[in-house]
Amino acid sequence: MELNASLFGREKRSDGRFPHQLRPPAVEVGLLHRADGSARFRLGDTSVTVAVYGPSEAQQQRKTLLDRAYVEVLVRPLSGPADAEERSREAILQKIFEAAIDTPRHPRTVVQITVQPMNNDKPMMHVCVVGIYMALLDASVPLRSLPLAVALAYRPLPQGSPDTDFPFLVDPLHTELAACEGCIVIVLDASHRRSKAERDEGDEALPSSAAAAAAAVRRASDAPRGRVLATFPECGGAMPPEVFHTALKVAENACKVLDSFVRLSFERRLTLLQAAFRVQNSHGGDDDDDD
């Protein structure tokens, strides 16, 4: 579903973006060596660090589920103990990723996801979702869906504005929220829009961990589902129902950008792993020759 360019707002925002544009994304994958997977993802100055541990054998009875893995999400505040806001974030993220992770593949295990926001920016939850997704891929955790998220702020249009005016701010800044009625997060399944050709790229030459990550993406892409995984408000009031359909189109357009970013990031990472794998094998061959 393409977004008609005539819907885009024409005025620029305080940081130079048009209303439909995301801030530049950036990621560092595999930065925490004690975790099974990790990612530090940011949009502009809004940043989170995510660590994934597991699937590993459950050590507590309440976390031992006979038919599936137990998913635990912990949101760590910058300082002090977690408050009600962190607990609310944990509950939302846990619900999203309990559904996204292929939990029946690993019964009696625990997948622990630790999220550390690197600042107090709002909105933050869309950045958390993408950061968790990339850390899960780094950990080769099998997935049923590929969650990507975007924050949309809704701003009332001045009376007499033409119908083509753009009533949303994609990936809003904290300073932009004061002029908006509310901000929602829309979580979409990236695998819903991928073609089979895109999903079937080979990985035979990749090291086992990289191949597992690629296989996890393909398994998720092969499972049928709806494209909308979750929607929830992050601040302010609810979005008017009459603009929600357009909001979904806007979110899908932004998530296409994020999907391309994620895939390019992992293609670069897999290329580096492949090169290191070949170098390691060539050195092993040299040792055999010396013997």
Protein backbone atom coordinates (compact mmCIF):
# COMPACT_ATOMS: atom_id res chain seq x y z
CA MET A 1 0.00 0.00 0.00
CA GLU A 2 1.66 3.18 -1.19
CA LEU A 3 1.11 6.57 0.39
CA ASN A 4 0.05 9.20 -2.12
CA ALA A 5 2.68 11.93 -2.22
CA SER A 6 -0.07 14.55 -2.28
CA LEU A 7 -0.80 13.70 1.36
CA PHE A 8 2.65 14.75 2.54
CA GLY A 9 2.89 17.99 4.45
CA ARG A 10 4.83 20.72 2.70
CA GLU A 11 6.19 22.73 5.61
CA LYS A 12 9.47 21.78 7.25
CA ARG A 13 9.84 21.07 10.94
CA SER A 14 12.30 22.60 13.41
CA ASP A 15 14.94 19.95 12.62
CA GLY A 16 14.56 20.32 8.84
CA ARG A 17 12.41 17.24 8.24
CA PHE A 18 9.13 17.15 6.40
CA PRO A 19 6.17 15.89 8.49
CA HIS A 20 6.29 12.38 6.98
CA GLN A 21 10.01 11.79 7.54
CA LEU A 22 11.82 9.78 10.22
CA ARG A 23 14.97 11.01 11.88
CA PRO A 24 18.12 9.27 10.57
CA PRO A 25 18.33 5.74 12.05
CA ALA A 26 21.58 4.23 13.34
CA VAL A 27 22.43 0.93 15.01
CA GLU A 28 25.31 -0.92 16.61
CA VAL A 29 24.69 -4.67 16.75
CA GLY A 30 26.49 -7.20 18.96
CA LEU A 31 28.02 -4.62 21.27
CA LEU A 32 27.38 -6.53 24.54
CA HIS A 33 29.57 -9.62 24.58
CA ARG A 34 27.92 -11.30 27.59
CA ALA A 35 24.48 -11.20 25.98
CA ASP A 36 23.30 -13.69 23.36
CA GLY A 37 22.22 -10.74 21.23
CA SER A 38 22.32 -6.97 21.58
CA ALA A 39 21.64 -3.76 19.72
CA ARG A 40 21.89 -0.05 20.36
CA PHE A 41 19.34 1.59 18.11
CA ARG A 42 18.60 5.27 17.75
CA LEU A 43 16.47 7.67 15.80
CA GLY A 44 18.13 11.06 16.03
CA ASP A 45 18.93 11.60 19.71
CA THR A 46 16.41 9.01 20.98
CA SER A 47 18.38 5.87 21.79
CA VAL A 48 17.95 2.50 23.50
CA THR A 49 20.34 -0.35 24.28
CA VAL A 50 18.80 -3.83 24.26
CA ALA A 51 20.28 -7.11 25.51
CA VAL A 52 18.75 -10.53 24.84
CA TYR A 53 19.57 -13.60 26.92
CA GLY A 54 18.40 -17.03 25.83
CA PRO A 55 16.49 -19.07 25.05
CA SER A 56 18.01 -20.69 28.14
CA GLU A 57 16.70 -23.30 30.57
CA ALA A 58 14.17 -21.87 33.01
CA GLN A 59 15.45 -21.82 36.59
CA GLN A 60 12.20 -20.81 38.30
CA GLN A 61 9.02 -22.85 38.37
CA ARG A 62 6.78 -19.89 37.52
CA LYS A 63 8.81 -19.33 34.35
CA THR A 64 8.79 -22.99 33.31
CA LEU A 65 6.10 -23.36 30.65
CA LEU A 66 5.68 -26.88 29.26
CA ASP A 67 4.49 -25.80 25.81
CA ARG A 68 6.46 -22.65 25.10
CA ALA A 69 9.23 -20.29 26.14
CA TYR A 70 8.65 -17.68 28.81
CA VAL A 71 9.32 -14.15 27.54
CA GLU A 72 10.41 -11.55 30.07
CA VAL A 73 10.93 -7.86 29.26
CA LEU A 74 12.70 -5.58 31.74
CA VAL A 75 12.93 -1.82 31.17
CA ARG A 76 15.75 -0.24 33.16
CA PRO A 77 15.46 3.48 33.98
CA LEU A 78 18.46 5.76 33.60
CA SER A 79 18.69 6.06 37.38
CA GLY A 80 16.84 4.80 40.41
CA PRO A 81 14.26 2.01 40.63
CA ALA A 82 11.71 1.33 37.92
CA ASP A 83 8.48 3.30 38.32
CA ALA A 84 4.95 2.88 36.98
CA GLU A 85 5.95 4.20 33.55
CA GLU A 86 8.65 1.54 33.14
CA ARG A 87 6.24 -1.16 34.33
CA SER A 88 3.69 -0.02 31.75
CA ARG A 89 6.33 -0.11 29.02
CA GLU A 90 7.36 -3.61 30.11
CA ALA A 91 3.79 -4.90 29.92
CA ILE A 92 3.23 -3.51 26.41
CA LEU A 93 6.56 -4.74 25.06
CA GLN A 94 6.13 -8.16 26.65
CA LYS A 95 2.74 -8.60 24.99
CA ILE A 96 4.15 -7.61 21.58
CA PHE A 97 7.15 -9.92 21.75
CA GLU A 98 5.37 -12.88 23.34
CA ALA A 99 3.39 -12.93 20.11
CA ALA A 100 6.36 -12.15 17.84
CA ILE A 101 8.76 -14.80 19.18
CA ASP A 102 8.18 -18.40 18.07
CA THR A 103 7.87 -19.53 21.70
CA PRO A 104 6.62 -23.12 21.03
CA ARG A 105 10.00 -23.95 19.46
CA HIS A 106 11.71 -23.66 22.85
CA PRO A 107 9.48 -24.98 25.67
CA ARG A 108 10.73 -24.80 29.28
CA THR A 109 13.09 -21.96 28.44
CA VAL A 110 13.30 -18.24 29.15
CA VAL A 111 14.00 -15.40 26.73
CA GLN A 112 14.95 -12.33 28.74
CA ILE A 113 14.97 -8.93 27.06
CA THR A 114 16.51 -6.00 28.90
CA VAL A 115 15.85 -2.50 27.54
CA GLN A 116 17.86 0.52 28.66
CA PRO A 117 16.67 3.89 27.33
CA MET A 118 19.71 6.11 26.95
CA ASN A 119 17.78 9.33 27.57
CA ASN A 120 14.36 10.53 28.72
CA ASP A 121 13.04 11.43 25.27
CA LYS A 122 9.39 10.89 24.41
CA PRO A 123 8.04 9.25 22.42
CA MET A 124 10.34 6.27 23.08
CA MET A 125 8.36 3.08 22.58
CA HIS A 126 8.76 2.86 18.80
CA VAL A 127 12.53 3.01 19.27
CA CYS A 128 12.29 0.26 21.92
CA VAL A 129 10.36 -2.03 19.55
CA VAL A 130 12.88 -1.70 16.72
CA GLY A 131 15.82 -2.08 19.11
CA ILE A 132 14.37 -5.29 20.58
CA TYR A 133 13.67 -6.69 17.11
CA MET A 134 17.27 -6.13 16.02
CA ALA A 135 18.69 -7.61 19.24
CA LEU A 136 16.50 -10.71 18.77
CA LEU A 137 17.83 -11.11 15.25
CA ASP A 138 21.37 -10.79 16.59
CA ALA A 139 20.60 -13.56 19.11
CA SER A 140 19.09 -15.77 16.35
CA VAL A 141 15.86 -16.10 18.33
CA PRO A 142 13.19 -17.67 16.07
CA LEU A 143 10.43 -15.22 15.20
CA ARG A 144 6.87 -15.56 13.96
CA SER A 145 6.61 -11.91 12.93
CA LEU A 146 9.02 -9.05 12.31
CA PRO A 147 7.82 -6.11 14.44
CA LEU A 148 8.65 -2.59 13.33
CA ALA A 149 7.08 0.48 14.91
CA VAL A 150 6.57 4.15 14.22
CA ALA A 151 5.27 6.96 16.42
CA LEU A 152 2.68 9.30 14.92
CA ALA A 153 1.61 12.56 16.52
CA TYR A 154 -1.76 13.95 15.47
CA ARG A 155 -2.15 17.71 15.14
CA PRO A 156 -5.47 19.40 14.47
CA LEU A 157 -5.55 21.26 11.17
CA PRO A 158 -6.38 24.97 11.13
CA GLN A 159 -9.91 25.72 10.01
CA GLY A 160 -10.07 26.12 6.26
CA SER A 161 -6.98 24.02 5.54
CA PRO A 162 -7.15 22.06 2.28
CA ASP A 163 -7.93 18.34 2.56
CA THR A 164 -4.47 17.47 1.30
CA ASP A 165 -2.76 18.93 4.36
CA PHE A 166 -0.88 16.37 6.39
CA PRO A 167 -2.30 16.01 9.94
CA PHE A 168 0.55 13.86 11.30
CA LEU A 169 4.10 14.24 12.50
CA VAL A 170 6.08 11.03 12.00
CA ASP A 171 8.65 10.23 14.71
CA PRO A 172 7.87 13.47 16.58
CA LEU A 173 10.32 15.36 18.74
CA HIS A 174 9.48 15.87 22.40
CA THR A 175 9.21 19.60 21.70
CA GLU A 176 6.61 18.98 18.97
CA LEU A 177 4.17 17.13 21.21
CA ALA A 178 2.87 20.29 22.90
CA ALA A 179 1.19 21.36 19.65
CA CYS A 180 -0.36 17.92 19.07
CA GLU A 181 -3.51 16.31 20.44
CA GLY A 182 -1.84 12.98 21.02
CA CYS A 183 0.77 10.48 19.91
CA ILE A 184 0.22 6.82 19.08
CA VAL A 185 2.61 3.98 18.25
CA ILE A 186 1.70 1.61 15.42
CA VAL A 187 3.50 -1.74 15.27
CA LEU A 188 3.50 -3.46 11.87
CA ASP A 189 4.76 -6.83 10.68
CA ALA A 190 7.57 -6.25 8.16
CA SER A 191 7.26 -9.79 6.80
CA HIS A 192 3.70 -9.07 5.63
CA ARG A 193 4.95 -6.99 2.68
CA ARG A 194 8.02 -8.99 1.63
CA SER A 195 7.95 -11.03 -1.54
CA LYS A 196 8.95 -14.70 -1.55
CA ALA A 197 12.02 -13.82 -3.63
CA GLU A 198 13.15 -11.39 -0.92
CA ARG A 199 12.62 -14.05 1.75
CA ASP A 200 14.47 -16.84 -0.05
CA GLU A 201 17.93 -15.30 -0.37
CA GLY A 202 20.51 -18.01 0.22
CA ASP A 203 22.83 -18.18 3.18
CA GLU A 204 24.68 -21.44 2.57
CA ALA A 205 28.13 -19.82 2.86
CA LEU A 206 27.37 -18.00 6.10
CA PRO A 207 28.62 -19.09 9.54
CA SER A 208 26.06 -20.98 11.60
CA SER A 209 24.96 -18.04 13.79
CA ALA A 210 24.42 -15.80 10.77
CA ALA A 211 22.59 -18.55 8.90
CA ALA A 212 20.31 -19.07 11.90
CA ALA A 213 19.42 -15.38 11.95
CA ALA A 214 18.59 -15.46 8.25
CA ALA A 215 16.52 -18.62 8.73
CA ALA A 216 14.61 -16.97 11.57
CA VAL A 217 13.66 -14.11 9.26
CA ARG A 218 12.50 -16.56 6.58
CA ARG A 219 10.43 -18.63 9.01
CA ALA A 220 8.66 -15.52 10.23
CA SER A 221 8.13 -14.34 6.67
CA ASP A 222 6.48 -17.63 5.69
CA ALA A 223 3.84 -17.49 8.44
CA PRO A 224 0.55 -15.84 7.38
CA ARG A 225 -0.74 -12.99 9.55
CA GLY A 226 -2.20 -9.50 9.49
CA ARG A 227 0.10 -6.54 9.02
CA VAL A 228 -0.96 -4.62 12.18
CA LEU A 229 0.49 -6.20 15.33
CA ALA A 230 -0.39 -3.50 17.88
CA THR A 231 -1.47 0.11 18.31
CA PHE A 232 -1.34 2.04 21.57
CA PRO A 233 -1.21 5.66 22.73
CA GLU A 234 2.05 6.92 24.18
CA CYS A 235 0.88 10.35 25.27
CA GLY A 236 -2.08 12.69 24.92
CA GLY A 237 -5.53 11.80 23.71
CA ALA A 238 -6.78 9.25 21.22
CA MET A 239 -6.50 9.77 17.48
CA PRO A 240 -9.83 10.56 15.78
CA PRO A 241 -11.24 7.41 14.11
CA GLU A 242 -11.76 9.20 10.80
CA VAL A 243 -8.01 9.72 10.30
CA PHE A 244 -6.84 6.33 11.57
CA HIS A 245 -6.94 4.63 8.16
CA THR A 246 -4.64 7.31 6.77
CA ALA A 247 -2.43 6.93 9.84
CA LEU A 248 -1.92 3.25 8.98
CA LYS A 249 -0.80 4.21 5.48
CA VAL A 250 1.61 6.76 6.92
CA ALA A 251 2.97 4.19 9.38
CA GLU A 252 3.44 1.60 6.66
CA ASN A 253 5.36 4.08 4.55
CA ALA A 254 7.70 4.88 7.47
CA CYS A 255 8.13 1.20 8.37
CA LYS A 256 9.27 0.46 4.82
CA VAL A 257 12.18 2.81 5.48
CA LEU A 258 12.96 1.04 8.75
CA ASP A 259 12.65 -2.39 7.13
CA SER A 260 15.19 -1.44 4.47
CA PHE A 261 17.49 -0.06 7.18
CA VAL A 262 17.29 -3.26 9.25
CA ARG A 263 17.96 -5.50 6.28
CA LEU A 264 20.88 -3.41 5.04
CA SER A 265 22.36 -3.33 8.55
CA PHE A 266 22.25 -7.11 8.85
CA GLU A 267 23.46 -7.64 5.29
CA ARG A 268 26.55 -5.62 6.19
CA ARG A 269 26.95 -7.57 9.43
CA LEU A 270 26.52 -10.92 7.69
CA THR A 271 29.02 -9.90 5.02
CA LEU A 272 31.57 -9.10 7.72
CA LEU A 273 30.87 -12.41 9.47
CA GLN A 274 31.20 -14.25 6.17
CA ALA A 275 34.55 -12.57 5.48
CA ALA A 276 35.80 -13.40 8.98
CA PHE A 277 34.60 -16.99 8.56
CA ARG A 278 36.53 -17.35 5.31
CA VAL A 279 39.66 -15.80 6.80
CA GLN A 280 39.44 -18.18 9.74
CA ASN A 281 39.08 -21.15 7.39
CA SER A 282 41.98 -20.01 5.23
CA HIS A 283 44.21 -19.70 8.29
CA GLY A 284 43.16 -23.18 9.34
CA GLY A 285 44.11 -24.46 5.91
CA ASP A 286 47.53 -22.82 6.16
CA ASP A 287 48.11 -24.56 9.49
CA ASP A 288 47.25 -27.91 7.91
CA ASP A 289 49.75 -27.25 5.11
CA ASP A 290 52.48 -26.45 7.62
CA ASP A 291 51.91 -29.80 9.32
